[in-house]
Amino acid sequence: MVRWIVLILLPLAAMALAGCVSNTGGPDGPDCIFFSPGVAGDGPWYAALRRGLRDGGVTAPLHTVSWGLPPPLTALNFQTPSIHNSAEEKLARLIASFRQQHPGGRLRLLSHSAGGGVVLGALAKLDSSVEVDQVIVLNPSVSPQYDLAPAAAHVRGQIHVFHSEKDTVFLGWRCRTFGSYDNIRTEAAGKVGFTSVQSLPAPLRRKIIQHPYDPNWESLGNDGGHYGSTEHDFAVQLLAPLLK
């Protein structure tokens, strides 16, 4: 089953990479953002996020890197190691291919929920010489003790982590009851933040910027829930400046 879905999604991934390669962005090469969605995949629930980034001045192409099984099997995407490994390897191949073709290009990664586990796992699978410029993980469903060192080593800028104590259903009850992306029964880092940051070497620790939920964000449409960080005005004011 996993092999079947990979075969279906690989052509879509190639199209995403081709779109980035064809964009000449700036003087140093292409400008591209890969987006890794949650377990339900891309859909209208991310339309506000896309509009917000554009309205916030992000001109780079935003390409979804699809992963996992389609409906009605998406529940298997939560905690199936083989699905996660295939998704991480797929994204790692895209990153490596982009960087090989365009070493001076600007490549950033954006993710939501379980897509954060895909992004962090993909970064850890890269060869030592391959780097991306910036990473944003929204409400990641990995455990708070997840080791960020392998991923951070491949990021030139920062890894921005947006987490919310108000994400009580998806990243609180669900992850505590059934397990996180990395199969640990605990509230996820997308709810409480990464506790593993303090154990990182100083150069890597400085790359991790954690953003706990601010009640003032409610005026931007972000109520602190699981999809609050994908709302239009929040994307305009908080996310777009990090990706421009």
Protein backbone atom coordinates (compact mmCIF):
# COMPACT_ATOMS: atom_id res chain seq x y z
CA MET A 1 0.00 0.00 0.00
CA VAL A 2 2.78 2.43 0.92
CA ARG A 3 4.61 1.60 -2.29
CA TRP A 4 1.43 2.27 -4.27
CA ILE A 5 0.91 5.75 -2.84
CA VAL A 6 4.58 6.67 -3.35
CA LEU A 7 4.30 5.74 -7.02
CA ILE A 8 1.20 7.93 -7.34
CA LEU A 9 2.75 10.94 -5.59
CA LEU A 10 6.23 10.97 -7.12
CA PRO A 11 5.10 12.62 -10.38
CA LEU A 12 3.39 15.34 -8.34
CA ALA A 13 6.60 15.90 -6.42
CA ALA A 14 8.55 16.18 -9.65
CA MET A 15 6.08 18.80 -10.87
CA ALA A 16 6.58 20.78 -7.67
CA LEU A 17 10.33 20.75 -8.06
CA ALA A 18 10.09 21.72 -11.72
CA GLY A 19 7.96 24.70 -10.75
CA CYS A 20 10.63 25.91 -8.33
CA VAL A 21 13.42 25.34 -10.79
CA SER A 22 11.69 27.41 -13.45
CA ASN A 23 11.34 30.40 -11.13
CA THR A 24 14.37 32.69 -11.26
CA GLY A 25 13.52 34.47 -8.00
CA GLY A 26 16.63 36.59 -7.49
CA PRO A 27 20.26 37.08 -8.41
CA ASP A 28 21.43 34.00 -6.50
CA GLY A 29 19.04 31.57 -8.17
CA PRO A 30 15.51 30.21 -7.76
CA ASP A 31 13.33 31.09 -4.81
CA CYS A 32 11.13 28.25 -3.56
CA ILE A 33 9.09 27.09 -0.58
CA PHE A 34 8.16 23.45 -0.02
CA PHE A 35 5.04 22.93 2.10
CA SER A 36 4.46 19.70 4.03
CA PRO A 37 0.81 19.46 5.17
CA GLY A 38 -0.75 17.45 7.98
CA VAL A 39 -2.09 13.91 7.76
CA ALA A 40 -5.20 14.95 5.81
CA GLY A 41 -3.04 16.34 3.02
CA ASP A 42 -3.47 19.60 1.17
CA GLY A 43 -6.95 21.01 0.80
CA PRO A 44 -9.25 24.00 1.26
CA TRP A 45 -8.31 24.13 4.94
CA TYR A 46 -5.00 25.67 3.84
CA ALA A 47 -6.50 28.21 1.42
CA ALA A 48 -6.34 31.01 4.00
CA LEU A 49 -2.67 30.24 4.67
CA ARG A 50 -1.80 30.47 0.98
CA ARG A 51 -3.71 33.72 0.51
CA GLY A 52 -2.16 35.17 3.64
CA LEU A 53 1.37 34.49 2.48
CA ARG A 54 0.69 36.07 -0.90
CA ASP A 55 -1.03 39.08 0.66
CA GLY A 56 1.91 39.36 3.03
CA GLY A 57 4.30 39.77 0.11
CA VAL A 58 5.67 36.25 -0.34
CA THR A 59 6.34 35.95 -4.06
CA ALA A 60 8.18 32.62 -4.06
CA PRO A 61 6.20 29.66 -5.41
CA LEU A 62 4.68 27.58 -2.61
CA HIS A 63 4.62 23.92 -3.59
CA THR A 64 2.91 21.23 -1.57
CA VAL A 65 4.93 18.04 -1.16
CA SER A 66 2.15 15.50 -0.68
CA TRP A 67 2.70 12.44 1.47
CA GLY A 68 0.88 9.52 3.05
CA LEU A 69 -2.28 7.62 2.19
CA PRO A 70 -5.36 9.35 0.75
CA PRO A 71 -8.86 9.31 2.31
CA PRO A 72 -10.33 7.17 3.76
CA LEU A 73 -6.99 5.80 4.98
CA THR A 74 -5.52 9.03 6.34
CA ALA A 75 -5.72 7.79 9.93
CA LEU A 76 -2.79 5.50 9.08
CA ASN A 77 -0.66 8.57 8.41
CA PHE A 78 -0.58 9.53 12.09
CA GLN A 79 1.83 6.90 13.37
CA THR A 80 2.87 4.41 10.68
CA PRO A 81 6.70 4.39 10.57
CA SER A 82 6.89 3.10 6.98
CA ILE A 83 4.65 5.93 5.75
CA HIS A 84 6.71 8.48 7.66
CA ASN A 85 9.99 7.10 6.37
CA SER A 86 8.78 7.18 2.76
CA ALA A 87 7.53 10.74 3.18
CA GLU A 88 10.79 11.91 4.74
CA GLU A 89 12.91 10.24 2.07
CA LYS A 90 10.78 11.75 -0.68
CA LEU A 91 11.16 15.29 0.69
CA ALA A 92 14.87 14.76 1.32
CA ARG A 93 15.35 13.76 -2.34
CA LEU A 94 13.54 16.90 -3.50
CA ILE A 95 15.66 19.11 -1.26
CA ALA A 96 18.89 17.47 -2.38
CA SER A 97 17.93 17.71 -6.06
CA PHE A 98 16.99 21.38 -5.76
CA ARG A 99 20.20 22.23 -3.93
CA GLN A 100 22.36 20.30 -6.41
CA GLN A 101 20.86 22.17 -9.35
CA HIS A 102 20.77 25.55 -7.62
CA PRO A 103 23.36 25.83 -4.84
CA GLY A 104 22.72 29.58 -4.59
CA GLY A 105 18.94 29.30 -4.60
CA ARG A 106 16.71 30.17 -1.65
CA LEU A 107 14.86 27.16 -0.31
CA ARG A 108 12.56 27.28 2.69
CA LEU A 109 10.35 24.64 4.32
CA LEU A 110 6.90 25.23 5.80
CA SER A 111 4.86 22.58 7.58
CA HIS A 112 1.78 22.00 9.68
CA SER A 113 1.04 19.33 12.29
CA ALA A 114 2.43 15.91 11.25
CA GLY A 115 4.05 17.63 8.29
CA GLY A 116 6.49 19.03 10.83
CA GLY A 117 7.65 15.50 11.56
CA VAL A 118 8.13 14.92 7.84
CA VAL A 119 10.21 18.11 7.50
CA LEU A 120 12.38 17.43 10.55
CA GLY A 121 12.90 13.80 9.52
CA ALA A 122 13.75 14.76 5.94
CA LEU A 123 16.35 17.28 7.06
CA ALA A 124 17.99 14.62 9.22
CA LYS A 125 18.29 12.33 6.18
CA LEU A 126 20.22 14.84 4.06
CA ASP A 127 23.92 14.51 3.26
CA SER A 128 26.08 16.69 5.48
CA SER A 129 26.69 19.31 2.76
CA VAL A 130 23.01 19.95 1.95
CA GLU A 131 21.25 22.88 3.65
CA VAL A 132 17.99 24.83 3.45
CA ASP A 133 17.65 28.50 4.32
CA GLN A 134 14.69 28.66 6.71
CA VAL A 135 12.15 26.35 8.34
CA ILE A 136 8.75 27.03 9.90
CA VAL A 137 6.86 24.28 11.73
CA LEU A 138 3.29 25.08 12.73
CA ASN A 139 1.77 23.02 15.56
CA PRO A 140 4.18 20.07 15.07
CA SER A 141 2.84 16.75 16.29
CA VAL A 142 6.22 15.31 17.28
CA SER A 143 7.06 14.79 20.96
CA PRO A 144 8.60 17.62 23.04
CA GLN A 145 11.78 15.59 23.51
CA TYR A 146 12.29 15.05 19.78
CA ASP A 147 15.99 15.49 18.93
CA LEU A 148 16.28 18.61 16.78
CA ALA A 149 20.05 18.44 16.32
CA PRO A 150 20.10 16.36 13.09
CA ALA A 151 17.59 18.71 11.46
CA ALA A 152 19.06 21.98 12.74
CA ALA A 153 22.47 21.03 11.35
CA HIS A 154 21.01 21.44 7.84
CA VAL A 155 19.41 24.86 8.36
CA ARG A 156 21.36 28.03 7.51
CA GLY A 157 18.91 30.33 9.27
CA GLN A 158 16.39 29.35 11.92
CA ILE A 159 13.74 26.77 12.70
CA HIS A 160 10.68 28.72 13.85
CA VAL A 161 8.32 26.65 16.00
CA PHE A 162 4.77 27.90 16.59
CA HIS A 163 3.04 26.08 19.45
CA SER A 164 -0.11 26.62 21.47
CA GLU A 165 -1.35 25.40 24.85
CA LYS A 166 -4.85 25.84 23.44
CA ASP A 167 -4.31 23.03 20.90
CA THR A 168 -5.95 20.65 23.36
CA VAL A 169 -7.69 18.14 21.09
CA PHE A 170 -5.26 17.25 18.30
CA LEU A 171 -1.95 17.76 20.09
CA GLY A 172 -3.19 17.32 23.64
CA TRP A 173 -5.74 14.54 24.00
CA ARG A 174 -5.04 12.71 20.72
CA CYS A 175 -1.24 12.59 21.04
CA ARG A 176 -1.43 11.84 24.76
CA THR A 177 -3.85 8.98 24.16
CA PHE A 178 -2.62 7.45 20.89
CA GLY A 179 0.89 8.83 20.48
CA SER A 180 2.78 11.56 18.65
CA TYR A 181 4.27 11.41 15.15
CA ASP A 182 7.29 9.69 16.72
CA ASN A 183 5.00 7.27 18.61
CA ILE A 184 5.34 8.64 22.14
CA ARG A 185 2.22 9.06 24.25
CA THR A 186 2.62 12.65 25.32
CA GLU A 187 1.31 16.10 24.60
CA ALA A 188 3.03 17.18 21.41
CA ALA A 189 5.66 19.87 20.93
CA GLY A 190 3.06 21.81 18.97
CA LYS A 191 1.21 22.25 22.25
CA VAL A 192 3.95 22.69 24.87
CA GLY A 193 7.07 23.50 22.83
CA PHE A 194 10.32 21.54 22.47
CA THR A 195 11.94 20.69 25.79
CA SER A 196 14.87 19.13 23.90
CA VAL A 197 16.21 22.55 22.87
CA GLN A 198 18.13 23.06 26.10
CA SER A 199 20.25 19.95 25.46
CA LEU A 200 21.45 21.17 22.05
CA PRO A 201 24.94 22.60 21.51
CA ALA A 202 24.85 26.39 21.63
CA PRO A 203 25.28 26.95 17.85
CA LEU A 204 22.28 24.71 17.14
CA ARG A 205 20.24 25.95 20.09
CA ARG A 206 20.40 29.48 18.72
CA LYS A 207 18.77 28.29 15.51
CA ILE A 208 15.58 27.18 17.29
CA ILE A 209 13.12 30.05 17.78
CA GLN A 210 10.01 28.99 19.71
CA HIS A 211 6.83 31.07 19.50
CA PRO A 212 4.30 30.19 22.23
CA TYR A 213 0.75 31.28 21.62
CA ASP A 214 0.11 34.97 22.26
CA PRO A 215 -3.50 35.92 23.13
CA ASN A 216 -3.04 39.03 20.97
CA TRP A 217 -2.97 36.72 17.95
CA GLU A 218 -6.71 36.16 18.34
CA SER A 219 -7.25 39.51 16.63
CA LEU A 220 -5.44 37.97 13.62
CA GLY A 221 -7.82 35.03 13.49
CA ASN A 222 -5.54 32.66 15.42
CA ASP A 223 -7.59 31.29 18.32
CA GLY A 224 -4.80 28.94 19.39
CA GLY A 225 -6.50 25.85 18.00
CA HIS A 226 -4.89 23.35 15.68
CA TYR A 227 -5.52 25.38 12.53
CA GLY A 228 -5.25 28.82 14.12
CA SER A 229 -1.72 29.33 12.82
CA THR A 230 -2.94 28.83 9.24
CA GLU A 231 -5.42 31.74 9.29
CA HIS A 232 -5.08 34.52 6.73
CA ASP A 233 -4.25 37.56 8.88
CA PHE A 234 -1.88 35.54 11.05
CA ALA A 235 -0.03 34.42 7.93
CA VAL A 236 0.15 38.01 6.68
CA GLN A 237 1.52 39.45 9.91
CA LEU A 238 3.63 36.64 11.40
CA LEU A 239 4.55 34.04 8.79
CA ALA A 240 5.09 36.06 5.63
CA PRO A 241 7.87 38.22 7.13
CA LEU A 242 9.77 35.05 8.06
CA LEU A 243 9.52 33.68 4.52
CA LYS A 244 10.25 36.81 2.50
